[in-house]
Amino acid sequence: MLTYADVISANPSYSAKRYAARLPYVIFALAIAGLALILLFFFVPWFSTGEPATSVVARSLKGPTNVSAITLGTTTLKFTEVVLNNDGSGSRNVSDSYSFPFIWGILAVGVVQVVLALLVLKDRMLPGYLMLAIRLSFLAALVFEVFYFVSSYFLAFGKIKAAGGQIATFPVAGLWLSLLITIVTTIMTLILLPDLKWCWTLARNDLAREIRIGELRASHAS
């Protein structure tokens, strides 16, 4: 099996030089995307309960305003609001809870992307299975992030909202920063991968041609 040293390092062709120059950008994109997901997961809040939006609630919401990803993934947030009845006959307590254990998938994707970056750095090659794994990792990150956005914004404390409570639920910095970084690095990687595949193929062809020319020259000289 041909290695990076065989095809690229000893190859003076333009395609080999282009491959060597662009490969670090893929490694950089993977590493940044993975490390960002890991750091944001542990150190930045992901969910907010906000504040009640109107006076329909008889008392202020009691509980954390900003919630970390770890809290969302390991515990259940429980809230109770006093909501006025629609017929004006009084008020009632409405309790609801929210958790999002699938948020651990975002951390898992971050770890996978860091591992993929190390694998590419180790051999400096992009075989088909590795390209597929890279694409799937970015797809998984986007799926988990969009799924979390829908859950936190529309589904969190749905029972309270349906009863007329005005609790505001929305994702905060953790999601928005991770989504931004994922989109940027995904676009960057999807642009580079086909070009690197083509450069590798051309570099192999150039190498084979140089070897064949050398053999022909040697045969003519003898």
Protein backbone atom coordinates (compact mmCIF):
# COMPACT_ATOMS: atom_id res chain seq x y z
CA MET A 1 0.00 0.00 0.00
CA LEU A 2 1.34 3.41 -0.99
CA THR A 3 2.05 5.85 1.83
CA TYR A 4 2.15 9.62 2.04
CA ALA A 5 5.94 9.52 1.72
CA ASP A 6 5.67 7.41 -1.45
CA VAL A 7 3.06 9.49 -3.24
CA ILE A 8 3.48 13.05 -1.93
CA SER A 9 6.82 13.67 -0.21
CA ALA A 10 9.00 12.42 -3.06
CA ASN A 11 6.71 13.72 -5.79
CA PRO A 12 7.54 17.10 -7.36
CA SER A 13 4.25 17.37 -9.27
CA TYR A 14 1.77 20.23 -8.77
CA SER A 15 -0.96 17.85 -7.57
CA ALA A 16 1.31 16.46 -4.83
CA LYS A 17 2.26 19.95 -3.66
CA ARG A 18 -1.40 21.00 -3.67
CA TYR A 19 -2.36 17.95 -1.60
CA ALA A 20 0.41 18.63 0.92
CA ALA A 21 -0.61 22.29 1.20
CA ARG A 22 -4.35 21.68 1.66
CA LEU A 23 -4.40 18.61 3.90
CA PRO A 24 -3.57 20.61 7.07
CA TYR A 25 -6.77 22.61 6.61
CA VAL A 26 -8.88 19.45 6.92
CA ILE A 27 -6.98 18.42 10.05
CA PHE A 28 -7.43 21.94 11.44
CA ALA A 29 -11.18 21.98 10.67
CA LEU A 30 -11.74 18.61 12.33
CA ALA A 31 -9.69 19.49 15.40
CA ILE A 32 -11.34 22.89 15.85
CA ALA A 33 -14.84 21.47 15.37
CA GLY A 34 -14.26 18.64 17.84
CA LEU A 35 -12.49 20.68 20.50
CA ALA A 36 -15.11 23.43 20.25
CA LEU A 37 -17.95 20.95 20.86
CA ILE A 38 -16.13 19.47 23.86
CA LEU A 39 -15.25 22.82 25.45
CA LEU A 40 -18.65 24.36 24.81
CA PHE A 41 -20.35 21.29 26.24
CA PHE A 42 -18.54 21.61 29.57
CA PHE A 43 -18.05 25.34 30.03
CA VAL A 44 -20.90 27.25 28.34
CA PRO A 45 -24.65 27.25 29.21
CA TRP A 46 -26.96 25.62 26.68
CA PHE A 47 -30.48 26.28 27.93
CA SER A 48 -32.39 29.13 29.55
CA THR A 49 -35.78 29.26 31.18
CA GLY A 50 -35.87 33.03 30.78
CA GLU A 51 -38.51 34.91 32.69
CA PRO A 52 -42.30 34.77 32.58
CA ALA A 53 -43.40 37.01 29.72
CA THR A 54 -46.72 38.32 31.09
CA SER A 55 -48.60 38.78 34.34
CA VAL A 56 -50.73 35.71 33.68
CA VAL A 57 -48.37 33.88 36.05
CA ALA A 58 -49.24 34.63 39.66
CA ARG A 59 -45.68 34.15 40.95
CA SER A 60 -42.20 34.35 39.51
CA LEU A 61 -40.57 31.25 38.12
CA LYS A 62 -38.31 29.63 40.69
CA GLY A 63 -35.27 27.79 39.37
CA PRO A 64 -32.10 28.19 37.34
CA THR A 65 -32.16 30.64 34.45
CA ASN A 66 -29.15 29.26 32.56
CA VAL A 67 -28.56 25.52 32.48
CA SER A 68 -25.46 23.61 31.44
CA ALA A 69 -25.36 20.73 28.98
CA ILE A 70 -24.33 18.34 31.75
CA THR A 71 -27.38 19.30 33.79
CA LEU A 72 -29.67 18.81 30.81
CA GLY A 73 -28.17 15.41 30.11
CA THR A 74 -28.11 14.03 33.66
CA THR A 75 -31.03 15.59 35.55
CA THR A 76 -34.61 16.63 35.01
CA LEU A 77 -35.58 20.28 35.37
CA LYS A 78 -38.89 20.62 37.19
CA PHE A 79 -41.01 23.76 37.33
CA THR A 80 -44.44 24.70 38.59
CA GLU A 81 -46.39 27.79 37.55
CA VAL A 82 -49.64 29.19 38.87
CA VAL A 83 -51.71 29.82 35.75
CA LEU A 84 -55.04 31.64 35.53
CA ASN A 85 -57.92 29.57 34.20
CA ASN A 86 -59.26 30.65 30.83
CA ASP A 87 -62.79 31.08 32.22
CA GLY A 88 -61.59 33.43 34.94
CA SER A 89 -62.67 31.07 37.70
CA GLY A 90 -59.36 31.19 39.46
CA SER A 91 -55.94 29.69 39.01
CA ARG A 92 -54.22 26.33 39.18
CA ASN A 93 -50.76 24.88 39.59
CA VAL A 94 -49.26 23.40 36.43
CA SER A 95 -46.09 21.32 36.80
CA ASP A 96 -43.82 20.10 34.05
CA SER A 97 -40.28 18.82 33.56
CA TYR A 98 -37.63 18.87 30.86
CA SER A 99 -34.41 17.03 30.12
CA PHE A 100 -32.43 16.27 26.98
CA PRO A 101 -30.23 13.17 27.42
CA PHE A 102 -29.43 13.17 23.68
CA ILE A 103 -27.22 16.20 24.29
CA TRP A 104 -24.46 13.73 25.18
CA GLY A 105 -24.40 12.90 21.47
CA ILE A 106 -22.89 16.34 20.82
CA LEU A 107 -20.01 15.56 23.18
CA ALA A 108 -19.55 12.15 21.56
CA VAL A 109 -19.33 13.73 18.10
CA GLY A 110 -16.71 16.17 19.38
CA VAL A 111 -14.57 13.31 20.67
CA VAL A 112 -14.96 11.43 17.38
CA GLN A 113 -13.88 14.46 15.37
CA VAL A 114 -10.74 14.92 17.47
CA VAL A 115 -9.91 11.22 16.96
CA LEU A 116 -10.46 11.58 13.20
CA ALA A 117 -8.15 14.61 13.13
CA LEU A 118 -5.44 12.59 14.88
CA LEU A 119 -5.88 9.70 12.43
CA VAL A 120 -5.49 12.01 9.44
CA LEU A 121 -2.49 13.67 11.08
CA LYS A 122 -0.89 10.29 11.76
CA ASP A 123 -0.89 8.94 8.19
CA ARG A 124 -1.66 12.15 6.29
CA MET A 125 -3.89 10.14 4.01
CA LEU A 126 -7.62 10.20 3.31
CA PRO A 127 -8.86 6.75 2.29
CA GLY A 128 -12.50 6.40 1.35
CA TYR A 129 -13.66 5.09 4.72
CA LEU A 130 -12.01 8.01 6.51
CA MET A 131 -13.61 10.57 4.20
CA LEU A 132 -16.99 8.94 4.85
CA ALA A 133 -16.42 9.01 8.61
CA ILE A 134 -15.49 12.72 8.45
CA ARG A 135 -18.63 13.60 6.49
CA LEU A 136 -20.84 11.54 8.82
CA SER A 137 -19.33 13.22 11.89
CA PHE A 138 -20.29 16.66 10.63
CA LEU A 139 -23.75 15.40 9.64
CA ALA A 140 -24.21 13.92 13.12
CA ALA A 141 -23.18 17.20 14.75
CA LEU A 142 -25.72 19.15 12.71
CA VAL A 143 -28.48 16.60 13.40
CA PHE A 144 -27.92 16.69 17.17
CA GLU A 145 -27.74 20.50 17.20
CA VAL A 146 -30.92 20.98 15.16
CA PHE A 147 -32.71 18.32 17.20
CA TYR A 148 -31.70 20.09 20.40
CA PHE A 149 -32.84 23.48 19.05
CA VAL A 150 -36.31 22.12 18.22
CA SER A 151 -36.58 20.39 21.59
CA SER A 152 -35.40 23.29 23.73
CA TYR A 153 -37.28 26.02 21.89
CA PHE A 154 -40.57 24.36 21.03
CA LEU A 155 -41.00 21.28 23.24
CA ALA A 156 -39.50 22.23 26.61
CA PHE A 157 -42.16 22.59 29.34
CA GLY A 158 -44.87 22.05 26.75
CA LYS A 159 -47.49 21.27 29.37
CA ILE A 160 -47.06 24.68 31.01
CA LYS A 161 -47.15 26.46 27.66
CA ALA A 162 -50.25 24.56 26.55
CA ALA A 163 -52.01 25.52 29.79
CA GLY A 164 -51.43 29.20 29.10
CA GLY A 165 -48.24 29.71 31.06
CA GLN A 166 -45.82 32.19 29.55
CA ILE A 167 -42.53 30.53 30.39
CA ALA A 168 -39.83 31.33 27.85
CA THR A 169 -37.51 28.48 26.89
CA PHE A 170 -34.69 28.79 24.40
CA PRO A 171 -31.15 27.61 23.66
CA VAL A 172 -28.33 29.96 24.54
CA ALA A 173 -24.62 30.44 23.78
CA GLY A 174 -23.62 26.78 23.84
CA LEU A 175 -25.85 25.84 20.92
CA TRP A 176 -25.34 28.98 18.85
CA LEU A 177 -21.55 28.88 19.06
CA SER A 178 -21.38 25.14 18.36
CA LEU A 179 -23.78 25.49 15.42
CA LEU A 180 -21.76 28.35 13.95
CA ILE A 181 -18.48 26.47 14.25
CA THR A 182 -20.03 23.28 12.87
CA ILE A 183 -21.44 25.06 9.82
CA VAL A 184 -18.18 26.86 9.04
CA THR A 185 -15.98 23.77 9.45
CA THR A 186 -18.47 21.58 7.56
CA ILE A 187 -18.45 23.89 4.54
CA MET A 188 -14.66 24.13 4.70
CA THR A 189 -14.25 20.35 4.85
CA LEU A 190 -16.81 19.56 2.15
CA ILE A 191 -14.99 21.92 -0.22
CA LEU A 192 -11.56 20.46 0.53
CA LEU A 193 -12.26 16.71 0.57
CA PRO A 194 -13.12 16.26 -3.16
CA ASP A 195 -10.14 18.39 -4.14
CA LEU A 196 -7.79 16.34 -1.94
CA LYS A 197 -9.13 13.10 -3.37
CA TRP A 198 -8.52 14.35 -6.90
CA CYS A 199 -5.03 15.62 -6.03
CA TRP A 200 -4.13 12.25 -4.50
CA THR A 201 -5.28 10.43 -7.63
CA LEU A 202 -3.31 12.77 -9.90
CA ALA A 203 -0.23 12.50 -7.68
CA ARG A 204 -0.37 8.69 -7.89
CA ASN A 205 -0.69 8.87 -11.66
CA ASP A 206 2.21 11.32 -11.85
CA LEU A 207 4.33 9.02 -9.71
CA ALA A 208 3.47 5.98 -11.82
CA ARG A 209 4.33 7.91 -14.98
CA GLU A 210 7.69 9.00 -13.56
CA ILE A 211 8.49 5.43 -12.56
CA ARG A 212 7.54 4.16 -16.01
CA ILE A 213 9.64 6.82 -17.75
CA GLY A 214 12.59 5.90 -15.54
CA GLU A 215 12.19 2.24 -16.43
CA LEU A 216 12.05 3.03 -20.15
CA ARG A 217 15.14 5.21 -19.91
CA ALA A 218 16.98 2.47 -18.05
CA SER A 219 16.00 -0.13 -20.64
CA HIS A 220 17.13 2.10 -23.52
CA ALA A 221 20.44 2.87 -21.78
CA SER A 222 21.18 -0.83 -21.37
